[in-house]
C-alpha cells in the first residue's frame, strides 16, 4: 500500500490543533524540539547537551530507562541506548584527518 504517512500525520496534527485539542505541553515540546534545527551552531550545542545528559541519566544501567515528565511516558515502554560518546561529525572529522595524514606520508 502506498499510504503517505507523513502527510496524514501532519493533517491529523493540524486537525487536533484547529479543534484546540493539542495540549500546552505538546505545543511547547514541539517548539522546543525544533529550536536546534534553526542553525548548525544550535544543532551542535543541542547534540552536546543531549549526549551529556543522556549519558548522565543512563550511566548506572548502561541505557536510559526512565526520564522525567513529560518524557517519562516514552520510557515506560521503551529503553533507549546511551548516546554515543562521539557524534558522526566528530568520527568523520577524525577519519578524514587520519586519512589525510596517511596520504601525506605516502
N, C-alpha and C. Protein backbone atom coordinates (compact mmCIF):
# COMPACT_ATOMS: atom_id res chain seq x y z
N UNK A 1 0.84 -1.18 0.00
CA UNK A 1 0.00 0.00 0.00
C UNK A 1 0.88 1.24 0.00
N UNK A 2 0.44 2.23 -0.69
CA UNK A 2 1.19 3.48 -0.76
C UNK A 2 0.44 4.56 0.02
N UNK A 3 0.62 4.51 1.34
CA UNK A 3 -0.04 5.48 2.22
C UNK A 3 0.99 6.56 2.57
N UNK A 4 0.64 7.80 2.35
CA UNK A 4 1.54 8.92 2.64
C UNK A 4 1.44 9.27 4.13
N UNK A 5 2.17 8.50 4.95
CA UNK A 5 2.07 8.68 6.40
C UNK A 5 2.50 10.08 6.87
N UNK A 6 3.59 10.64 6.36
CA UNK A 6 3.94 11.99 6.83
C UNK A 6 2.83 13.01 6.59
N UNK A 7 2.19 12.94 5.43
CA UNK A 7 1.10 13.87 5.13
C UNK A 7 -0.08 13.62 6.07
N UNK A 8 -0.42 12.34 6.30
CA UNK A 8 -1.54 12.02 7.18
C UNK A 8 -1.27 12.49 8.61
N UNK A 9 -0.04 12.32 9.09
CA UNK A 9 0.28 12.77 10.45
C UNK A 9 0.20 14.29 10.56
N UNK A 10 0.65 14.99 9.53
CA UNK A 10 0.53 16.45 9.54
C UNK A 10 -0.92 16.89 9.54
N UNK A 11 -1.74 16.22 8.75
CA UNK A 11 -3.16 16.56 8.72
C UNK A 11 -3.82 16.30 10.07
N UNK A 12 -3.48 15.17 10.68
CA UNK A 12 -4.05 14.83 11.99
C UNK A 12 -3.64 15.87 13.03
N UNK A 13 -2.36 16.23 13.03
CA UNK A 13 -1.88 17.24 13.98
C UNK A 13 -2.57 18.57 13.73
N UNK A 14 -2.76 18.94 12.45
CA UNK A 14 -3.45 20.18 12.12
C UNK A 14 -4.89 20.16 12.59
N UNK A 15 -5.55 19.01 12.40
CA UNK A 15 -6.94 18.88 12.86
C UNK A 15 -7.05 19.03 14.38
N UNK A 16 -6.15 18.38 15.10
CA UNK A 16 -6.17 18.47 16.57
C UNK A 16 -5.92 19.91 17.01
N UNK A 17 -4.99 20.56 16.37
CA UNK A 17 -4.66 21.93 16.72
C UNK A 17 -5.84 22.86 16.42
N UNK A 18 -6.48 22.67 15.27
CA UNK A 18 -7.62 23.51 14.88
C UNK A 18 -8.77 23.35 15.86
N UNK A 19 -8.95 22.16 16.39
CA UNK A 19 -10.03 21.91 17.36
C UNK A 19 -9.61 22.28 18.77
N UNK A 20 -8.35 22.72 18.94
CA UNK A 20 -7.88 23.10 20.27
C UNK A 20 -7.61 21.90 21.16
N UNK A 21 -7.35 20.74 20.56
CA UNK A 21 -7.15 19.54 21.35
C UNK A 21 -5.68 19.23 21.63
N UNK A 22 -4.77 20.04 21.12
CA UNK A 22 -3.37 19.79 21.44
C UNK A 22 -3.06 20.51 22.75
N UNK A 23 -2.38 19.82 23.63
CA UNK A 23 -2.11 20.37 24.95
C UNK A 23 -0.99 21.41 24.89
N UNK A 24 -0.93 22.23 25.90
CA UNK A 24 0.14 23.21 26.00
C UNK A 24 1.48 22.50 26.06
N UNK A 25 1.55 21.40 26.78
CA UNK A 25 2.80 20.63 26.88
C UNK A 25 3.23 20.12 25.50
N UNK A 26 2.29 19.64 24.71
CA UNK A 26 2.62 19.13 23.38
C UNK A 26 3.11 20.25 22.48
N UNK A 27 2.42 21.39 22.50
CA UNK A 27 2.83 22.52 21.67
C UNK A 27 4.20 23.05 22.08
N UNK A 28 4.42 23.15 23.38
CA UNK A 28 5.70 23.65 23.89
C UNK A 28 6.82 22.68 23.55
N UNK A 29 6.56 21.39 23.68
CA UNK A 29 7.58 20.38 23.37
C UNK A 29 7.97 20.44 21.90
N UNK A 30 7.00 20.56 21.03
CA UNK A 30 7.29 20.61 19.60
C UNK A 30 8.13 21.85 19.28
N UNK A 31 7.75 22.98 19.85
CA UNK A 31 8.53 24.20 19.61
C UNK A 31 9.95 24.06 20.14
N UNK A 32 10.10 23.51 21.33
CA UNK A 32 11.43 23.35 21.93
C UNK A 32 12.27 22.37 21.11
N UNK A 33 11.65 21.32 20.61
CA UNK A 33 12.40 20.32 19.85
C UNK A 33 12.81 20.82 18.47
N UNK A 34 12.13 21.83 17.95
CA UNK A 34 12.52 22.36 16.63
C UNK A 34 13.58 23.45 16.73
N UNK A 35 13.80 24.01 17.91
CA UNK A 35 14.80 25.08 18.05
C UNK A 35 16.19 24.68 17.56
N UNK A 36 16.69 23.48 17.87
CA UNK A 36 18.03 23.11 17.40
C UNK A 36 18.13 23.02 15.88
N UNK A 37 17.01 22.93 15.20
CA UNK A 37 17.04 22.79 13.75
C UNK A 37 17.16 24.13 13.04
N UNK A 38 17.24 25.21 13.79
CA UNK A 38 17.30 26.55 13.20
C UNK A 38 18.72 27.04 12.94
N UNK A 39 19.69 26.16 12.96
CA UNK A 39 21.05 26.56 12.64
C UNK A 39 22.05 25.53 13.11
N UNK A 40 23.19 25.44 12.44
CA UNK A 40 24.18 24.42 12.79
C UNK A 40 24.77 24.59 14.18
N UNK A 41 24.97 25.83 14.63
CA UNK A 41 25.52 26.02 15.98
C UNK A 41 24.54 25.55 17.04
N UNK A 42 23.26 25.85 16.85
CA UNK A 42 22.25 25.38 17.80
C UNK A 42 22.18 23.86 17.79
N UNK A 43 22.27 23.28 16.61
CA UNK A 43 22.19 21.83 16.50
C UNK A 43 23.38 21.17 17.21
N UNK A 44 24.59 21.70 16.99
CA UNK A 44 25.77 21.13 17.66
C UNK A 44 25.65 21.27 19.18
N UNK A 45 25.19 22.42 19.64
CA UNK A 45 25.01 22.62 21.08
C UNK A 45 23.98 21.63 21.63
N UNK A 46 22.87 21.48 20.94
CA UNK A 46 21.81 20.57 21.40
C UNK A 46 22.30 19.13 21.44
N UNK A 47 23.07 18.71 20.44
CA UNK A 47 23.56 17.33 20.45
C UNK A 47 24.56 17.12 21.58
N UNK A 48 25.38 18.13 21.87
CA UNK A 48 26.31 18.00 23.01
C UNK A 48 25.55 17.87 24.32
N UNK A 49 24.51 18.70 24.48
CA UNK A 49 23.73 18.65 25.72
C UNK A 49 22.98 17.32 25.83
N UNK A 50 22.40 16.87 24.74
CA UNK A 50 21.68 15.59 24.76
C UNK A 50 22.62 14.45 25.09
N UNK A 51 23.80 14.49 24.53
CA UNK A 51 24.78 13.44 24.80
C UNK A 51 25.20 13.48 26.27
N UNK A 52 25.49 14.67 26.79
CA UNK A 52 25.90 14.80 28.18
C UNK A 52 24.81 14.31 29.14
N UNK A 53 23.59 14.85 28.98
CA UNK A 53 22.53 14.48 29.90
C UNK A 53 22.07 13.04 29.70
N UNK A 54 22.07 12.57 28.46
CA UNK A 54 21.69 11.18 28.21
C UNK A 54 22.65 10.21 28.86
N UNK A 55 23.92 10.48 28.78
CA UNK A 55 24.91 9.62 29.41
C UNK A 55 24.83 9.74 30.93
N UNK A 56 24.53 10.94 31.43
CA UNK A 56 24.40 11.16 32.86
C UNK A 56 23.21 10.37 33.42
N UNK A 57 22.08 10.44 32.73
CA UNK A 57 20.86 9.76 33.18
C UNK A 57 21.01 8.24 33.13
N UNK A 58 21.71 7.74 32.11
CA UNK A 58 21.77 6.30 31.94
C UNK A 58 23.06 5.64 32.33
N UNK A 59 23.93 6.36 33.04
CA UNK A 59 25.26 5.81 33.29
C UNK A 59 25.25 4.57 34.17
N UNK A 60 24.34 4.46 35.12
CA UNK A 60 24.32 3.29 36.01
C UNK A 60 23.87 2.02 35.29
N UNK A 61 22.78 2.14 34.55
CA UNK A 61 22.20 0.96 33.91
C UNK A 61 22.84 0.65 32.55
N UNK A 62 23.53 1.62 31.97
CA UNK A 62 24.09 1.42 30.64
C UNK A 62 23.10 1.72 29.54
N UNK A 63 21.93 2.19 29.92
CA UNK A 63 20.89 2.60 28.98
C UNK A 63 19.97 3.57 29.70
N UNK A 64 19.12 4.23 28.95
CA UNK A 64 18.17 5.18 29.54
C UNK A 64 16.83 4.47 29.70
N UNK A 65 16.44 4.27 30.94
CA UNK A 65 15.20 3.54 31.18
C UNK A 65 14.11 4.40 31.81
N UNK A 66 14.44 5.61 32.26
CA UNK A 66 13.43 6.49 32.85
C UNK A 66 13.85 7.93 32.65
N UNK A 67 12.90 8.73 32.22
CA UNK A 67 13.12 10.16 32.05
C UNK A 67 12.06 10.93 32.84
N UNK A 68 12.35 12.17 33.19
CA UNK A 68 11.35 12.97 33.91
C UNK A 68 10.23 13.40 32.97
N UNK A 69 9.09 13.82 33.55
CA UNK A 69 8.00 14.33 32.72
C UNK A 69 8.46 15.51 31.89
N UNK A 70 7.93 15.73 30.74
CA UNK A 70 6.88 14.99 30.05
C UNK A 70 7.39 13.82 29.24
N UNK A 71 8.68 13.50 29.32
CA UNK A 71 9.26 12.43 28.52
C UNK A 71 9.11 11.06 29.16
N UNK A 72 8.68 11.01 30.41
CA UNK A 72 8.56 9.76 31.13
C UNK A 72 7.59 8.77 30.49
N UNK A 73 6.58 9.27 29.79
CA UNK A 73 5.63 8.36 29.13
C UNK A 73 6.33 7.50 28.09
N UNK A 74 7.32 8.07 27.41
CA UNK A 74 8.06 7.31 26.40
C UNK A 74 8.86 6.18 27.05
N UNK A 75 9.44 6.45 28.20
CA UNK A 75 10.33 5.46 28.79
C UNK A 75 9.60 4.42 29.64
N UNK A 76 8.30 4.53 29.77
CA UNK A 76 7.56 3.47 30.47
C UNK A 76 7.56 2.18 29.67
N UNK A 77 7.61 2.30 28.35
CA UNK A 77 7.54 1.11 27.50
C UNK A 77 8.76 0.95 26.60
N UNK A 78 9.75 1.82 26.75
CA UNK A 78 10.93 1.76 25.88
C UNK A 78 12.20 1.92 26.71
N UNK A 79 13.26 1.31 26.22
CA UNK A 79 14.58 1.50 26.79
C UNK A 79 15.45 2.06 25.68
N UNK A 80 16.12 3.17 25.93
CA UNK A 80 16.95 3.81 24.93
C UNK A 80 18.42 3.52 25.18
N UNK A 81 19.18 3.30 24.12
CA UNK A 81 20.62 3.14 24.32
C UNK A 81 21.22 4.49 24.71
N UNK A 82 22.37 4.43 25.34
CA UNK A 82 23.07 5.67 25.67
C UNK A 82 23.49 6.37 24.38
N UNK A 83 23.52 7.69 24.39
CA UNK A 83 24.04 8.40 23.21
C UNK A 83 25.50 8.02 22.99
N UNK A 84 25.96 8.02 21.77
CA UNK A 84 27.36 7.67 21.52
C UNK A 84 28.30 8.70 22.14
N UNK A 85 29.49 8.26 22.45
CA UNK A 85 30.48 9.17 23.03
C UNK A 85 30.88 10.27 22.05
N UNK A 86 30.93 9.92 20.77
CA UNK A 86 31.29 10.90 19.74
C UNK A 86 30.21 10.92 18.67
N UNK A 87 29.94 12.11 18.14
CA UNK A 87 28.93 12.25 17.09
C UNK A 87 29.49 11.75 15.76
N UNK A 88 28.61 11.58 14.81
CA UNK A 88 29.04 11.18 13.47
C UNK A 88 30.02 12.19 12.91
N UNK A 89 29.74 13.47 13.08
CA UNK A 89 30.63 14.51 12.57
C UNK A 89 32.02 14.43 13.20
N UNK A 90 32.07 14.15 14.50
CA UNK A 90 33.37 14.01 15.17
C UNK A 90 34.13 12.80 14.62
N UNK A 91 33.43 11.69 14.43
CA UNK A 91 34.06 10.49 13.88
C UNK A 91 34.55 10.75 12.46
N UNK A 92 33.74 11.43 11.66
CA UNK A 92 34.09 11.73 10.27
C UNK A 92 35.32 12.63 10.21
N UNK A 93 35.35 13.64 11.06
CA UNK A 93 36.48 14.56 11.09
C UNK A 93 37.76 13.81 11.47
N UNK A 94 37.70 12.94 12.47
CA UNK A 94 38.87 12.16 12.88
C UNK A 94 39.32 11.23 11.77
N UNK A 95 38.38 10.59 11.10
CA UNK A 95 38.71 9.69 9.99
C UNK A 95 39.38 10.46 8.86
N UNK A 96 38.85 11.61 8.54
CA UNK A 96 39.44 12.42 7.45
C UNK A 96 40.84 12.88 7.80
N UNK A 97 41.05 13.29 9.06
CA UNK A 97 42.39 13.76 9.42
C UNK A 97 43.38 12.60 9.42
N UNK A 98 42.96 11.40 9.82
CA UNK A 98 43.84 10.23 9.75
C UNK A 98 44.16 9.89 8.30
N UNK A 99 43.14 9.93 7.46
CA UNK A 99 43.33 9.62 6.04
C UNK A 99 44.26 10.65 5.40
N UNK A 100 44.06 11.91 5.72
CA UNK A 100 44.92 12.96 5.15
C UNK A 100 46.36 12.79 5.64
N UNK A 101 46.53 12.39 6.90
CA UNK A 101 47.87 12.15 7.44
C UNK A 101 48.56 10.99 6.75
N UNK A 102 47.80 9.92 6.44
CA UNK A 102 48.37 8.76 5.75
C UNK A 102 48.75 9.13 4.32
N UNK A 103 47.90 9.92 3.67
CA UNK A 103 48.18 10.32 2.28
C UNK A 103 49.40 11.23 2.22
N UNK A 104 49.58 12.09 3.20
CA UNK A 104 50.73 13.00 3.21
C UNK A 104 52.04 12.22 3.43
N UNK A 105 51.95 11.12 4.20
CA UNK A 105 53.14 10.32 4.49
C UNK A 105 53.56 9.50 3.29
N UNK A 106 52.64 9.23 2.39
CA UNK A 106 52.96 8.37 1.22
C UNK A 106 53.71 9.08 0.18
